[in-house]
């Protein structure tokens, strides 16, 4: 639908073009009285050019106005280009022929010469078609580029929105779990609960720091895990053990924030952890730019299957925003392991 300003512009342009045609008619009528026979051909040619150009402009403008209503460049770029090129050429040739016949009828008694008409259309088409092809081709490319930029912008916004949605799903869950632990500690040991609270505040500060980060380095993630392990050791004491084998080069690579923390939390949530049956969690980097997080299996019996898969699915979805590489899950009777791709950071 056209805006009011566009309608107003159309009326002004149409009236102005018709006024110009009328002024040409009056001007050439007055000037015709002083034209000698020697200058008559040049005079007629100038008139024809003036009328033809004005009519071509008006017809092409009218076509453009109507196509803006029915076929926008944004949605129908290819169809718009084809229609505007060929219909515009036909209308322009029609305008040239109208101007020719008008001049012929006004100033000569001879009928239109068919050979002149044929040549007029051949030369007119040879001139108009390349000009229109260049102009409307430019419009087409500009509309296509604008559409691509807009699509890319919307895709990024959608990705960002989904990523924030997933992150917002993670943070409250982490907060809720640790506040429950803190609450239980306060009933048993005030000093220990204070220590736990201070470390938890430090951990959550790091989480908030990465709130608007799509990726974090493995080194930063491991720093968070060190603090998180402190919280876990307060809770589980000798019921949980960690082993790290991380290369210095792997620490410079990236992964979605909280990925390792989620896997550690899942391992604890899904397995029995007691002094007699402790959990062993190993985090190891490999030469193929992957990271393995594995633990011994001591499954709890009462967790529903869909709940078990939620954390892994969440991590996989977050990875899909940054790489085509998939996380891999391996499970046997004794060990459960997840391999995370490490993402190379482009600093350019």
C-alpha atoms as a PDB file:
ATOM      1  CA  UNK A   1       0.000   0.000   0.000  1.00  0.00           C
ATOM      2  CA  UNK A   2       1.356   3.391  -0.990  1.00  0.00           C
ATOM      3  CA  UNK A   3       1.925   6.072   1.632  1.00  0.00           C
ATOM      4  CA  UNK A   4       0.094   9.439   1.371  1.00  0.00           C
ATOM      5  CA  UNK A   5       3.354  11.222   0.516  1.00  0.00           C
ATOM      6  CA  UNK A   6       3.899   8.789  -2.367  1.00  0.00           C
ATOM      7  CA  UNK A   7       0.402   9.463  -3.734  1.00  0.00           C
ATOM      8  CA  UNK A   8       0.994  13.190  -3.474  1.00  0.00           C
ATOM      9  CA  UNK A   9       4.319  12.867  -5.284  1.00  0.00           C
ATOM     10  CA  UNK A  10       2.628  10.861  -8.056  1.00  0.00           C
ATOM     11  CA  UNK A  11      -0.046  13.532  -8.581  1.00  0.00           C
ATOM     12  CA  UNK A  12       2.514  16.330  -8.593  1.00  0.00           C
ATOM     13  CA  UNK A  13       4.745  14.512 -11.091  1.00  0.00           C
ATOM     14  CA  UNK A  14       1.839  13.614 -13.388  1.00  0.00           C
ATOM     15  CA  UNK A  15       0.402  17.133 -13.392  1.00  0.00           C
ATOM     16  CA  UNK A  16       3.879  18.612 -13.901  1.00  0.00           C
ATOM     17  CA  UNK A  17       4.583  16.328 -16.874  1.00  0.00           C
ATOM     18  CA  UNK A  18       1.246  17.139 -18.534  1.00  0.00           C
ATOM     19  CA  UNK A  19       1.883  20.831 -17.898  1.00  0.00           C
ATOM     20  CA  UNK A  20       5.277  20.539 -19.577  1.00  0.00           C
ATOM     21  CA  UNK A  21       3.628  18.922 -22.618  1.00  0.00           C
ATOM     22  CA  UNK A  22       1.123  21.779 -22.788  1.00  0.00           C
ATOM     23  CA  UNK A  23       3.880  24.378 -22.475  1.00  0.00           C
ATOM     24  CA  UNK A  24       5.826  22.681 -25.265  1.00  0.00           C
ATOM     25  CA  UNK A  25       2.707  22.832 -27.448  1.00  0.00           C
ATOM     26  CA  UNK A  26       2.208  26.549 -26.795  1.00  0.00           C
ATOM     27  CA  UNK A  27       5.894  27.355 -27.152  1.00  0.00           C
ATOM     28  CA  UNK A  28       6.354  25.510 -30.442  1.00  0.00           C
ATOM     29  CA  UNK A  29       3.076  26.946 -31.818  1.00  0.00           C
ATOM     30  CA  UNK A  30       4.381  30.467 -31.264  1.00  0.00           C
ATOM     31  CA  UNK A  31       7.859  29.618 -32.492  1.00  0.00           C
ATOM     32  CA  UNK A  32       6.505  27.903 -35.604  1.00  0.00           C
ATOM     33  CA  UNK A  33       5.486  31.236 -37.136  1.00  0.00           C
ATOM     34  CA  UNK A  34       9.110  32.359 -37.369  1.00  0.00           C
ATOM     35  CA  UNK A  35      10.624  29.095 -38.650  1.00  0.00           C
ATOM     36  CA  UNK A  36      12.001  29.216 -42.173  1.00  0.00           C
ATOM     37  CA  UNK A  37      11.673  26.336 -44.580  1.00  0.00           C
ATOM     38  CA  UNK A  38      15.411  25.649 -44.293  1.00  0.00           C
ATOM     39  CA  UNK A  39      15.123  25.082 -40.516  1.00  0.00           C
ATOM     40  CA  UNK A  40      11.838  23.195 -40.579  1.00  0.00           C
ATOM     41  CA  UNK A  41      13.314  19.670 -40.309  1.00  0.00           C
ATOM     42  CA  UNK A  42      15.502  20.615 -37.350  1.00  0.00           C
ATOM     43  CA  UNK A  43      12.542  22.334 -35.715  1.00  0.00           C
ATOM     44  CA  UNK A  44      10.332  19.247 -36.118  1.00  0.00           C
ATOM     45  CA  UNK A  45      13.097  16.990 -34.798  1.00  0.00           C
ATOM     46  CA  UNK A  46      13.537  19.148 -31.671  1.00  0.00           C
ATOM     47  CA  UNK A  47       9.783  19.087 -31.070  1.00  0.00           C
ATOM     48  CA  UNK A  48       9.687  15.323 -31.446  1.00  0.00           C
ATOM     49  CA  UNK A  49      12.577  14.888 -28.973  1.00  0.00           C
ATOM     50  CA  UNK A  50      10.898  17.143 -26.372  1.00  0.00           C
ATOM     51  CA  UNK A  51       7.514  15.424 -26.643  1.00  0.00           C
ATOM     52  CA  UNK A  52       9.026  11.932 -26.760  1.00  0.00           C
ATOM     53  CA  UNK A  53      11.268  12.413 -23.711  1.00  0.00           C
ATOM     54  CA  UNK A  54       8.420  13.867 -21.647  1.00  0.00           C
ATOM     55  CA  UNK A  55       6.069  11.022 -22.594  1.00  0.00           C
ATOM     56  CA  UNK A  56       8.754   8.399 -21.941  1.00  0.00           C
ATOM     57  CA  UNK A  57       9.418   9.874 -18.511  1.00  0.00           C
ATOM     58  CA  UNK A  58       5.701  10.002 -17.670  1.00  0.00           C
ATOM     59  CA  UNK A  59       4.991   6.437 -18.844  1.00  0.00           C
ATOM     60  CA  UNK A  60       7.997   4.950 -17.036  1.00  0.00           C
ATOM     61  CA  UNK A  61       7.150   6.891 -13.887  1.00  0.00           C
ATOM     62  CA  UNK A  62       3.549   5.645 -14.016  1.00  0.00           C
ATOM     63  CA  UNK A  63       4.749   2.053 -14.491  1.00  0.00           C
ATOM     64  CA  UNK A  64       7.169   2.386 -11.573  1.00  0.00           C
ATOM     65  CA  UNK A  65       4.409   3.796  -9.359  1.00  0.00           C
ATOM     66  CA  UNK A  66       2.033   0.923 -10.132  1.00  0.00           C
ATOM     67  CA  UNK A  67       4.709  -1.745  -9.702  1.00  0.00           C
ATOM     68  CA  UNK A  68       5.641  -0.276  -6.329  1.00  0.00           C
ATOM     69  CA  UNK A  69       2.052  -1.022  -5.296  1.00  0.00           C
ATOM     70  CA  UNK A  70       1.800  -4.525  -6.762  1.00  0.00           C
ATOM     71  CA  UNK A  71       5.367  -5.861  -6.929  1.00  0.00           C
ATOM     72  CA  UNK A  72       7.901  -4.444  -4.488  1.00  0.00           C
ATOM     73  CA  UNK A  73      11.602  -4.841  -5.217  1.00  0.00           C
ATOM     74  CA  UNK A  74      12.033  -6.399  -1.777  1.00  0.00           C
ATOM     75  CA  UNK A  75       9.656  -9.341  -2.310  1.00  0.00           C
ATOM     76  CA  UNK A  76       9.551  -9.803  -6.098  1.00  0.00           C
ATOM     77  CA  UNK A  77      12.925  -8.573  -7.333  1.00  0.00           C
ATOM     78  CA  UNK A  78      13.258 -10.950 -10.323  1.00  0.00           C
ATOM     79  CA  UNK A  79       9.676 -10.539 -11.591  1.00  0.00           C
ATOM     80  CA  UNK A  80       9.897  -6.795 -11.017  1.00  0.00           C
ATOM     81  CA  UNK A  81      13.111  -6.526 -13.032  1.00  0.00           C
ATOM     82  CA  UNK A  82      11.673  -8.479 -15.990  1.00  0.00           C
ATOM     83  CA  UNK A  83       8.373  -6.580 -16.052  1.00  0.00           C
ATOM     84  CA  UNK A  84       9.943  -3.180 -15.574  1.00  0.00           C
ATOM     85  CA  UNK A  85      12.506  -3.828 -18.294  1.00  0.00           C
ATOM     86  CA  UNK A  86      10.209  -5.133 -21.016  1.00  0.00           C
ATOM     87  CA  UNK A  87       6.996  -3.258 -20.188  1.00  0.00           C
ATOM     88  CA  UNK A  88       9.055  -0.098 -19.709  1.00  0.00           C
ATOM     89  CA  UNK A  89      10.642  -0.595 -23.132  1.00  0.00           C
ATOM     90  CA  UNK A  90       7.239  -1.149 -24.789  1.00  0.00           C
ATOM     91  CA  UNK A  91       5.755   1.933 -23.123  1.00  0.00           C
ATOM     92  CA  UNK A  92       8.778   3.999 -24.105  1.00  0.00           C
ATOM     93  CA  UNK A  93       8.557   2.894 -27.740  1.00  0.00           C
ATOM     94  CA  UNK A  94       4.835   3.647 -27.619  1.00  0.00           C
ATOM     95  CA  UNK A  95       5.612   7.141 -26.327  1.00  0.00           C
ATOM     96  CA  UNK A  96       8.135   7.688 -29.110  1.00  0.00           C
ATOM     97  CA  UNK A  97       5.579   6.591 -31.722  1.00  0.00           C
ATOM     98  CA  UNK A  98       2.856   8.826 -30.240  1.00  0.00           C
ATOM     99  CA  UNK A  99       5.208  11.801 -30.394  1.00  0.00           C
ATOM    100  CA  UNK A 100       6.157  10.921 -33.976  1.00  0.00           C
ATOM    101  CA  UNK A 101       2.535  10.620 -35.134  1.00  0.00           C
ATOM    102  CA  UNK A 102       1.574  13.818 -33.335  1.00  0.00           C
ATOM    103  CA  UNK A 103       4.319  15.808 -35.071  1.00  0.00           C
ATOM    104  CA  UNK A 104       3.512  14.155 -38.396  1.00  0.00           C
ATOM    105  CA  UNK A 105      -0.195  15.019 -38.160  1.00  0.00           C
ATOM    106  CA  UNK A 106       0.365  18.575 -36.935  1.00  0.00           C
ATOM    107  CA  UNK A 107       2.964  19.820 -39.348  1.00  0.00           C
ATOM    108  CA  UNK A 108       2.787  17.622 -42.461  1.00  0.00           C
ATOM    109  CA  UNK A 109      -0.033  16.391 -44.622  1.00  0.00           C
ATOM    110  CA  UNK A 110       1.715  13.098 -45.472  1.00  0.00           C
ATOM    111  CA  UNK A 111       0.676   9.904 -43.622  1.00  0.00           C
ATOM    112  CA  UNK A 112       3.122   8.105 -41.348  1.00  0.00           C
ATOM    113  CA  UNK A 113       5.907   6.464 -43.329  1.00  0.00           C
ATOM    114  CA  UNK A 114       6.004   2.752 -42.433  1.00  0.00           C
ATOM    115  CA  UNK A 115       9.744   2.567 -43.118  1.00  0.00           C
ATOM    116  CA  UNK A 116      10.356   5.520 -40.801  1.00  0.00           C
ATOM    117  CA  UNK A 117       8.219   3.890 -38.105  1.00  0.00           C
ATOM    118  CA  UNK A 118      10.160   0.614 -38.383  1.00  0.00           C
ATOM    119  CA  UNK A 119      13.533   2.370 -38.218  1.00  0.00           C
ATOM    120  CA  UNK A 120      12.283   4.552 -35.377  1.00  0.00           C
ATOM    121  CA  UNK A 121      11.366   1.502 -33.290  1.00  0.00           C
ATOM    122  CA  UNK A 122      14.528  -0.426 -34.152  1.00  0.00           C
ATOM    123  CA  UNK A 123      16.850   2.448 -33.212  1.00  0.00           C
ATOM    124  CA  UNK A 124      14.668   3.414 -30.255  1.00  0.00           C
ATOM    125  CA  UNK A 125      14.718  -0.137 -28.899  1.00  0.00           C
ATOM    126  CA  UNK A 126      18.474  -0.424 -29.462  1.00  0.00           C
ATOM    127  CA  UNK A 127      18.993   2.712 -27.365  1.00  0.00           C
ATOM    128  CA  UNK A 128      16.321   2.253 -24.687  1.00  0.00           C
ATOM    129  CA  UNK A 129      16.802  -1.456 -23.905  1.00  0.00           C
ATOM    130  CA  UNK A 130      20.488  -1.246 -22.814  1.00  0.00           C
ATOM    131  CA  UNK A 131      19.783   1.912 -20.791  1.00  0.00           C
ATOM    132  CA  UNK A 132      16.837   0.325 -19.012  1.00  0.00           C
ATOM    133  CA  UNK A 133      18.701  -2.958 -18.542  1.00  0.00           C
ATOM    134  CA  UNK A 134      21.566  -1.121 -16.840  1.00  0.00           C
ATOM    135  CA  UNK A 135      19.323   1.067 -14.685  1.00  0.00           C
ATOM    136  CA  UNK A 136      16.865  -1.605 -13.587  1.00  0.00           C
ATOM    137  CA  UNK A 137      19.682  -4.123 -13.241  1.00  0.00           C
ATOM    138  CA  UNK A 138      21.269  -1.744 -10.757  1.00  0.00           C
ATOM    139  CA  UNK A 139      17.940  -1.435  -8.928  1.00  0.00           C
ATOM    140  CA  UNK A 140      17.625  -5.225  -8.882  1.00  0.00           C
ATOM    141  CA  UNK A 141      21.133  -5.751  -7.471  1.00  0.00           C
ATOM    142  CA  UNK A 142      20.628  -3.047  -4.864  1.00  0.00           C
ATOM    143  CA  UNK A 143      17.307  -4.584  -3.780  1.00  0.00           C
ATOM    144  CA  UNK A 144      18.871  -8.055  -3.670  1.00  0.00           C
ATOM    145  CA  UNK A 145      21.823  -6.843  -1.605  1.00  0.00           C
ATOM    146  CA  UNK A 146      19.510  -4.958   0.749  1.00  0.00           C
ATOM    147  CA  UNK A 147      17.367  -8.075   1.117  1.00  0.00           C
ATOM    148  CA  UNK A 148      20.433 -10.201   1.881  1.00  0.00           C
ATOM    149  CA  UNK A 149      21.632  -7.722   4.499  1.00  0.00           C
ATOM    150  CA  UNK A 150      18.170  -7.598   6.053  1.00  0.00           C
ATOM    151  CA  UNK A 151      17.894 -11.400   6.072  1.00  0.00           C
ATOM    152  CA  UNK A 152      21.310 -11.700   7.678  1.00  0.00           C
ATOM    153  CA  UNK A 153      20.372  -9.092  10.292  1.00  0.00           C
ATOM    154  CA  UNK A 154      17.136 -10.901  11.135  1.00  0.00           C
ATOM    155  CA  UNK A 155      18.939 -14.243  11.288  1.00  0.00           C
ATOM    156  CA  UNK A 156      21.502 -12.820  13.709  1.00  0.00           C
ATOM    157  CA  UNK A 157      18.779 -11.275  15.836  1.00  0.00           C
ATOM    158  CA  UNK A 158      16.916 -14.578  15.877  1.00  0.00           C
ATOM    159  CA  UNK A 159      20.080 -16.451  16.797  1.00  0.00           C
ATOM    160  CA  UNK A 160      20.857 -13.971  19.548  1.00  0.00           C
ATOM    161  CA  UNK A 161      17.317 -14.227  20.869  1.00  0.00           C
ATOM    162  CA  UNK A 162      17.425 -18.032  20.940  1.00  0.00           C
ATOM    163  CA  UNK A 163      20.855 -18.032  22.558  1.00  0.00           C
ATOM    164  CA  UNK A 164      19.725 -15.631  25.277  1.00  0.00           C
ATOM    165  CA  UNK A 165      16.655 -17.775  25.806  1.00  0.00           C
ATOM    166  CA  UNK A 166      18.802 -20.867  26.315  1.00  0.00           C
ATOM    167  CA  UNK A 167      21.172 -18.992  28.622  1.00  0.00           C
ATOM    168  CA  UNK A 168      18.282 -17.650  30.676  1.00  0.00           C
ATOM    169  CA  UNK A 169      17.154 -21.261  31.047  1.00  0.00           C
ATOM    170  CA  UNK A 170      20.545 -22.231  32.442  1.00  0.00           C
ATOM    171  CA  UNK A 171      21.274 -19.493  34.959  1.00  0.00           C
ATOM    172  CA  UNK A 172      18.125 -19.756  37.145  1.00  0.00           C
ATOM    173  CA  UNK A 173      18.600 -23.534  37.327  1.00  0.00           C
ATOM    174  CA  UNK A 174      22.180 -23.123  38.532  1.00  0.00           C
ATOM    175  CA  UNK A 175      21.121 -20.456  41.036  1.00  0.00           C
ATOM    176  CA  UNK A 176      18.258 -22.550  42.398  1.00  0.00           C
ATOM    177  CA  UNK A 177      20.428 -25.628  42.963  1.00  0.00           C
ATOM    178  CA  UNK A 178      23.134 -23.787  44.837  1.00  0.00           C
ATOM    179  CA  UNK A 179      20.738 -21.813  47.012  1.00  0.00           C
ATOM    180  CA  UNK A 180      19.183 -25.113  48.059  1.00  0.00           C
ATOM    181  CA  UNK A 181      22.621 -26.401  49.019  1.00  0.00           C
ATOM    182  CA  UNK A 182      23.363 -23.199  50.930  1.00  0.00           C
ATOM    183  CA  UNK A 183      20.075 -23.476  52.783  1.00  0.00           C
ATOM    184  CA  UNK A 184      20.859 -27.009  53.916  1.00  0.00           C
ATOM    185  CA  UNK A 185      24.384 -26.033  55.016  1.00  0.00           C
ATOM    186  CA  UNK A 186      23.091 -23.186  57.163  1.00  0.00           C
ATOM    187  CA  UNK A 187      21.247 -25.675  59.347  1.00  0.00           C
ATOM    188  CA  UNK A 188      24.423 -27.687  59.915  1.00  0.00           C
ATOM    189  CA  UNK A 189      27.462 -25.372  59.946  1.00  0.00           C
ATOM    190  CA  UNK A 190      27.247 -21.566  59.973  1.00  0.00           C
ATOM    191  CA  UNK A 191      30.945 -20.998  59.282  1.00  0.00           C
ATOM    192  CA  UNK A 192      30.951 -23.451  56.418  1.00  0.00           C
ATOM    193  CA  UNK A 193      27.818 -21.870  54.974  1.00  0.00           C
ATOM    194  CA  UNK A 194      29.527 -18.449  55.082  1.00  0.00           C
ATOM    195  CA  UNK A 195      32.513 -19.844  53.227  1.00  0.00           C
ATOM    196  CA  UNK A 196      30.183 -21.494  50.726  1.00  0.00           C
ATOM    197  CA  UNK A 197      28.257 -18.254  50.239  1.00  0.00           C
ATOM    198  CA  UNK A 198      31.433 -16.267  49.556  1.00  0.00           C
ATOM    199  CA  UNK A 199      32.649 -18.785  46.983  1.00  0.00           C
ATOM    200  CA  UNK A 200      29.216 -19.032  45.417  1.00  0.00           C
ATOM    201  CA  UNK A 201      29.137 -15.231  45.049  1.00  0.00           C
ATOM    202  CA  UNK A 202      32.494 -15.435  43.282  1.00  0.00           C
ATOM    203  CA  UNK A 203      31.222 -18.149  40.930  1.00  0.00           C
ATOM    204  CA  UNK A 204      28.047 -16.280  40.118  1.00  0.00           C
ATOM    205  CA  UNK A 205      30.009 -13.095  39.489  1.00  0.00           C
ATOM    206  CA  UNK A 206      31.898 -14.945  36.758  1.00  0.00           C
ATOM    207  CA  UNK A 207      28.606 -16.229  35.341  1.00  0.00           C
ATOM    208  CA  UNK A 208      27.184 -12.712  35.211  1.00  0.00           C
ATOM    209  CA  UNK A 209      30.399 -11.479  33.627  1.00  0.00           C
ATOM    210  CA  UNK A 210      29.881 -13.881  30.722  1.00  0.00           C
ATOM    211  CA  UNK A 211      26.139 -13.129  30.471  1.00  0.00           C
ATOM    212  CA  UNK A 212      26.505 -11.276  27.166  1.00  0.00           C
ATOM    213  CA  UNK A 213      29.313 -13.472  25.806  1.00  0.00           C
ATOM    214  CA  UNK A 214      28.400 -16.010  23.169  1.00  0.00           C
ATOM    215  CA  UNK A 215      31.689 -17.838  23.655  1.00  0.00           C
ATOM    216  CA  UNK A 216      34.317 -18.014  26.371  1.00  0.00           C
ATOM    217  CA  UNK A 217      37.865 -19.340  26.306  1.00  0.00           C
ATOM    218  CA  UNK A 218      38.525 -22.736  27.816  1.00  0.00           C
ATOM    219  CA  UNK A 219      40.926 -21.076  30.241  1.00  0.00           C
ATOM    220  CA  UNK A 220      38.137 -18.826  31.556  1.00  0.00           C
ATOM    221  CA  UNK A 221      35.753 -21.765  31.754  1.00  0.00           C
ATOM    222  CA  UNK A 222      38.277 -23.790  33.748  1.00  0.00           C
ATOM    223  CA  UNK A 223      38.739 -20.876  36.132  1.00  0.00           C
ATOM    224  CA  UNK A 224      35.012 -21.013  36.798  1.00  0.00           C
ATOM    225  CA  UNK A 225      35.173 -24.791  37.239  1.00  0.00           C
ATOM    226  CA  UNK A 226      37.929 -24.425  39.853  1.00  0.00           C
ATOM    227  CA  UNK A 227      35.639 -22.219  41.932  1.00  0.00           C
ATOM    228  CA  UNK A 228      32.701 -24.515  41.277  1.00  0.00           C
ATOM    229  CA  UNK A 229      34.718 -27.520  42.455  1.00  0.00           C
ATOM    230  CA  UNK A 230      35.307 -25.713  45.730  1.00  0.00           C
ATOM    231  CA  UNK A 231      31.544 -25.543  46.215  1.00  0.00           C
ATOM    232  CA  UNK A 232      31.153 -29.204  45.313  1.00  0.00           C
ATOM    233  CA  UNK A 233      33.914 -30.322  47.675  1.00  0.00           C
ATOM    234  CA  UNK A 234      32.195 -28.514  50.546  1.00  0.00           C
ATOM    235  CA  UNK A 235      29.019 -30.405  49.778  1.00  0.00           C
ATOM    236  CA  UNK A 236      30.374 -33.826  48.798  1.00  0.00           C
ATOM    237  CA  UNK A 237      33.799 -33.903  50.496  1.00  0.00           C
ATOM    238  CA  UNK A 238      35.346 -37.280  49.597  1.00  0.00           C
ATOM    239  CA  UNK A 239      32.429 -38.317  47.411  1.00  0.00           C
ATOM    240  CA  UNK A 240      33.753 -36.525  44.318  1.00  0.00           C
ATOM    241  CA  UNK A 241      37.167 -36.299  42.625  1.00  0.00           C
ATOM    242  CA  UNK A 242      38.441 -34.383  39.598  1.00  0.00           C
ATOM    243  CA  UNK A 243      41.315 -34.933  37.198  1.00  0.00           C
ATOM    244  CA  UNK A 244      42.450 -32.406  34.559  1.00  0.00           C
ATOM    245  CA  UNK A 245      44.657 -32.928  31.492  1.00  0.00           C
ATOM    246  CA  UNK A 246      44.508 -29.679  29.531  1.00  0.00           C
ATOM    247  CA  UNK A 247      47.106 -28.484  27.027  1.00  0.00           C
ATOM    248  CA  UNK A 248      48.118 -24.822  26.912  1.00  0.00           C
ATOM    249  CA  UNK A 249      46.982 -24.518  23.279  1.00  0.00           C
ATOM    250  CA  UNK A 250      43.520 -25.857  24.132  1.00  0.00           C
ATOM    251  CA  UNK A 251      43.092 -23.171  26.796  1.00  0.00           C
ATOM    252  CA  UNK A 252      43.178 -20.509  24.077  1.00  0.00           C
ATOM    253  CA  UNK A 253      40.237 -22.041  22.225  1.00  0.00           C
ATOM    254  CA  UNK A 254      36.566 -21.370  22.956  1.00  0.00           C
ATOM    255  CA  UNK A 255      33.264 -23.003  23.828  1.00  0.00           C
ATOM    256  CA  UNK A 256      29.819 -21.789  24.943  1.00  0.00           C
ATOM    257  CA  UNK A 257      29.916 -20.473  28.532  1.00  0.00           C
ATOM    258  CA  UNK A 258      28.977 -22.899  31.332  1.00  0.00           C
ATOM    259  CA  UNK A 259      29.220 -25.977  29.085  1.00  0.00           C
ATOM    260  CA  UNK A 260      31.635 -27.827  31.371  1.00  0.00           C
ATOM    261  CA  UNK A 261      29.810 -26.663  34.490  1.00  0.00           C
ATOM    262  CA  UNK A 262      26.570 -28.091  33.098  1.00  0.00           C
ATOM    263  CA  UNK A 263      28.213 -31.453  32.367  1.00  0.00           C
ATOM    264  CA  UNK A 264      29.727 -31.624  35.834  1.00  0.00           C
ATOM    265  CA  UNK A 265      26.374 -30.747  37.359  1.00  0.00           C
ATOM    266  CA  UNK A 266      24.652 -33.396  35.227  1.00  0.00           C
ATOM    267  CA  UNK A 267      27.178 -36.037  36.281  1.00  0.00           C
ATOM    268  CA  UNK A 268      26.407 -35.319  39.921  1.00  0.00           C
ATOM    269  CA  UNK A 269      22.657 -35.127  39.360  1.00  0.00           C
ATOM    270  CA  UNK A 270      22.441 -38.445  37.508  1.00  0.00           C
ATOM    271  CA  UNK A 271      24.863 -40.525  39.577  1.00  0.00           C
ATOM    272  CA  UNK A 272      25.208 -41.731  43.127  1.00  0.00           C
ATOM    273  CA  UNK A 273      27.939 -39.838  45.003  1.00  0.00           C
ATOM    274  CA  UNK A 274      28.979 -41.190  48.393  1.00  0.00           C
ATOM    275  CA  UNK A 275      32.244 -41.741  50.235  1.00  0.00           C
ATOM    276  CA  UNK A 276      31.934 -45.447  49.525  1.00  0.00           C
ATOM    277  CA  UNK A 277      31.005 -44.897  45.867  1.00  0.00           C
ATOM    278  CA  UNK A 278      32.607 -41.592  44.802  1.00  0.00           C
ATOM    279  CA  UNK A 279      32.257 -39.960  41.382  1.00  0.00           C
ATOM    280  CA  UNK A 280      35.437 -39.525  39.347  1.00  0.00           C
ATOM    281  CA  UNK A 281      35.215 -36.767  36.751  1.00  0.00           C
ATOM    282  CA  UNK A 282      37.990 -36.367  34.211  1.00  0.00           C
ATOM    283  CA  UNK A 283      38.347 -33.367  31.897  1.00  0.00           C
ATOM    284  CA  UNK A 284      40.896 -33.846  29.123  1.00  0.00           C
ATOM    285  CA  UNK A 285      41.818 -31.979  25.924  1.00  0.00           C
ATOM    286  CA  UNK A 286      42.796 -33.897  22.780  1.00  0.00           C
ATOM    287  CA  UNK A 287      45.007 -32.986  19.835  1.00  0.00           C
ATOM    288  CA  UNK A 288      42.030 -32.832  17.450  1.00  0.00           C
ATOM    289  CA  UNK A 289      40.741 -29.683  19.234  1.00  0.00           C
ATOM    290  CA  UNK A 290      38.149 -31.474  21.310  1.00  0.00           C
ATOM    291  CA  UNK A 291      37.506 -31.708  25.022  1.00  0.00           C
ATOM    292  CA  UNK A 292      36.347 -34.862  26.804  1.00  0.00           C
ATOM    293  CA  UNK A 293      34.346 -34.727  30.014  1.00  0.00           C
ATOM    294  CA  UNK A 294      33.855 -38.216  31.417  1.00  0.00           C
ATOM    295  CA  UNK A 295      32.710 -39.807  34.637  1.00  0.00           C
ATOM    296  CA  UNK A 296      32.246 -43.270  36.061  1.00  0.00           C
ATOM    297  CA  UNK A 297      28.671 -44.547  35.915  1.00  0.00           C
ATOM    298  CA  UNK A 298      26.721 -45.073  39.122  1.00  0.00           C
ATOM    299  CA  UNK A 299      23.268 -44.261  37.848  1.00  0.00           C
ATOM    300  CA  UNK A 300      20.416 -43.127  40.002  1.00  0.00           C
ATOM    301  CA  UNK A 301      17.370 -45.226  39.218  1.00  0.00           C
ATOM    302  CA  UNK A 302      14.563 -42.701  39.536  1.00  0.00           C
ATOM    303  CA  UNK A 303      15.470 -40.027  36.976  1.00  0.00           C
ATOM    304  CA  UNK A 304      13.189 -40.026  33.890  1.00  0.00           C
ATOM    305  CA  UNK A 305      14.999 -40.400  30.555  1.00  0.00           C
ATOM    306  CA  UNK A 306      13.831 -37.057  29.142  1.00  0.00           C
ATOM    307  CA  UNK A 307      15.248 -35.232  32.166  1.00  0.00           C
ATOM    308  CA  UNK A 308      18.600 -36.921  31.653  1.00  0.00           C
ATOM    309  CA  UNK A 309      18.846 -35.670  28.092  1.00  0.00           C
ATOM    310  CA  UNK A 310      17.850 -32.038  28.727  1.00  0.00           C
ATOM    311  CA  UNK A 311      21.316 -30.728  29.633  1.00  0.00           C
ATOM    312  CA  UNK A 312      23.058 -32.399  26.690  1.00  0.00           C
ATOM    313  CA  UNK A 313      20.412 -31.188  24.224  1.00  0.00           C
ATOM    314  CA  UNK A 314      20.788 -27.677  25.594  1.00  0.00           C
ATOM    315  CA  UNK A 315      24.554 -27.725  25.072  1.00  0.00           C
ATOM    316  CA  UNK A 316      24.158 -29.101  21.537  1.00  0.00           C
ATOM    317  CA  UNK A 317      21.717 -26.323  20.633  1.00  0.00           C
ATOM    318  CA  UNK A 318      24.140 -23.707  21.864  1.00  0.00           C
ATOM    319  CA  UNK A 319      26.938 -25.254  19.799  1.00  0.00           C
ATOM    320  CA  UNK A 320      24.766 -25.145  16.671  1.00  0.00           C
ATOM    321  CA  UNK A 321      24.962 -21.344  16.677  1.00  0.00           C
ATOM    322  CA  UNK A 322      28.734 -21.411  16.188  1.00  0.00           C
ATOM    323  CA  UNK A 323      29.823 -24.607  14.446  1.00  0.00           C
ATOM    324  CA  UNK A 324      28.601 -27.541  12.390  1.00  0.00           C
ATOM    325  CA  UNK A 325      30.573 -29.934  14.565  1.00  0.00           C
ATOM    326  CA  UNK A 326      28.471 -32.098  16.842  1.00  0.00           C
ATOM    327  CA  UNK A 327      29.086 -33.093  20.416  1.00  0.00           C
ATOM    328  CA  UNK A 328      29.430 -36.852  20.810  1.00  0.00           C
ATOM    329  CA  UNK A 329      28.109 -38.976  23.648  1.00  0.00           C
ATOM    330  CA  UNK A 330      29.559 -42.376  24.532  1.00  0.00           C
ATOM    331  CA  UNK A 331      28.277 -44.665  27.253  1.00  0.00           C
ATOM    332  CA  UNK A 332      29.183 -48.160  28.359  1.00  0.00           C
ATOM    333  CA  UNK A 333      28.663 -50.114  31.551  1.00  0.00           C
ATOM    334  CA  UNK A 334      31.363 -48.227  33.445  1.00  0.00           C
ATOM    335  CA  UNK A 335      31.915 -44.810  31.857  1.00  0.00           C
ATOM    336  CA  UNK A 336      29.858 -41.957  30.460  1.00  0.00           C
ATOM    337  CA  UNK A 337      31.753 -39.422  28.320  1.00  0.00           C
ATOM    338  CA  UNK A 338      30.908 -36.385  26.237  1.00  0.00           C
ATOM    339  CA  UNK A 339      33.244 -34.874  23.660  1.00  0.00           C
ATOM    340  CA  UNK A 340      32.909 -31.146  23.044  1.00  0.00           C
ATOM    341  CA  UNK A 341      34.396 -29.458  19.960  1.00  0.00           C
ATOM    342  CA  UNK A 342      36.683 -26.565  20.817  1.00  0.00           C
ATOM    343  CA  UNK A 343      36.086 -23.521  18.628  1.00  0.00           C
ATOM    344  CA  UNK A 344      38.982 -21.566  17.202  1.00  0.00           C
ATOM    345  CA  UNK A 345      38.645 -17.852  17.926  1.00  0.00           C
ATOM    346  CA  UNK A 346      39.042 -15.507  14.963  1.00  0.00           C
ATOM    347  CA  UNK A 347      40.543 -12.258  16.227  1.00  0.00           C
ATOM    348  CA  UNK A 348      40.366 -10.516  12.819  1.00  0.00           C
END
